[in-house]
Amino acid sequence: MDNYIPMFRERGFSVIVPDARFCGKSGGEYLGLSYLDAEDSSAIFKWINDCFGYGIPIGLFGESFGAAQAII
């Protein structure tokens, strides 16, 4: 996803690029579209809202597994 960060930043977006469980440097024992992955995403949204306030627009972008996770 590193290739996309400049594109979004140039357009004025803040960017968070988390690793899914068992991807990149995140750790974990297995890869799967599961409740725990959705829980991780919810925790990220909560953190964003706690830091910047509720009601701010949040967009999602992903490829492959990341796109599936964005849909979930």
Protein backbone atom coordinates (compact mmCIF):
# COMPACT_ATOMS: atom_id res chain seq x y z
CA MET A 1 0.00 0.00 0.00
CA ASP A 2 3.03 2.28 0.29
CA ASN A 3 2.65 3.23 -3.38
CA TYR A 4 -0.80 4.71 -2.73
CA ILE A 5 0.09 6.86 0.28
CA PRO A 6 1.55 9.80 -1.74
CA MET A 7 -1.51 9.85 -4.02
CA PHE A 8 -3.87 10.24 -1.07
CA ARG A 9 -1.61 12.67 0.82
CA GLU A 10 -1.28 14.91 -2.27
CA ARG A 11 -5.07 15.17 -2.29
CA GLY A 12 -5.18 16.27 1.36
CA PHE A 13 -6.13 12.98 3.01
CA SER A 14 -4.67 11.64 6.23
CA VAL A 15 -3.66 8.01 5.82
CA ILE A 16 -3.58 5.04 8.18
CA VAL A 17 -2.14 1.82 6.77
CA PRO A 18 -2.57 -1.04 9.25
CA ASP A 19 -1.37 -4.58 8.64
CA ALA A 20 -4.10 -7.20 8.89
CA ARG A 21 -3.52 -10.13 11.22
CA PHE A 22 -0.79 -12.44 9.95
CA CYS A 23 0.16 -9.88 7.27
CA GLY A 24 3.26 -7.71 7.12
CA LYS A 25 4.65 -7.19 10.61
CA SER A 26 1.38 -7.59 12.52
CA GLY A 27 1.82 -11.07 13.95
CA GLY A 28 -0.98 -13.54 14.38
CA GLU A 29 -1.40 -17.23 13.69
CA TYR A 30 -3.65 -17.31 10.62
CA LEU A 31 -5.10 -15.19 7.82
CA GLY A 32 -8.82 -15.10 7.34
CA LEU A 33 -11.84 -12.89 6.88
CA SER A 34 -13.15 -13.29 10.39
CA TYR A 35 -14.85 -11.57 13.27
CA LEU A 36 -11.45 -10.71 14.76
CA ASP A 37 -10.37 -8.84 11.61
CA ALA A 38 -13.60 -6.81 11.66
CA GLU A 39 -13.02 -6.17 15.37
CA ASP A 40 -9.55 -4.80 14.54
CA SER A 41 -11.08 -2.43 11.99
CA SER A 42 -13.67 -1.29 14.52
CA ALA A 43 -10.88 -0.55 17.01
CA ILE A 44 -9.14 1.62 14.40
CA PHE A 45 -12.37 3.54 13.72
CA LYS A 46 -12.89 4.04 17.46
CA TRP A 47 -9.34 5.37 17.82
CA ILE A 48 -9.87 7.80 14.92
CA ASN A 49 -13.15 9.03 16.42
CA ASP A 50 -11.65 9.35 19.91
CA CYS A 51 -8.74 11.40 18.54
CA PHE A 52 -10.50 13.54 15.94
CA GLY A 53 -14.17 13.50 16.89
CA TYR A 54 -17.17 11.57 15.72
CA GLY A 55 -18.82 12.45 12.45
CA ILE A 56 -15.67 13.01 10.41
CA PRO A 57 -15.67 11.31 7.00
CA ILE A 58 -13.64 8.10 6.82
CA GLY A 59 -12.86 6.47 3.48
CA LEU A 60 -11.56 2.96 2.98
CA PHE A 61 -9.30 1.64 0.26
CA GLY A 62 -7.76 -1.76 -0.22
CA GLU A 63 -6.60 -4.36 -2.67
CA SER A 64 -7.36 -8.06 -2.51
CA PHE A 65 -7.75 -8.99 1.17
CA GLY A 66 -7.77 -5.31 2.12
CA ALA A 67 -10.63 -4.60 -0.28
CA ALA A 68 -12.61 -7.51 1.15
CA GLN A 69 -11.95 -6.22 4.65
CA ALA A 70 -13.09 -2.73 3.63
CA ILE A 71 -16.37 -4.19 2.37
CA ILE A 72 -16.89 -6.10 5.60
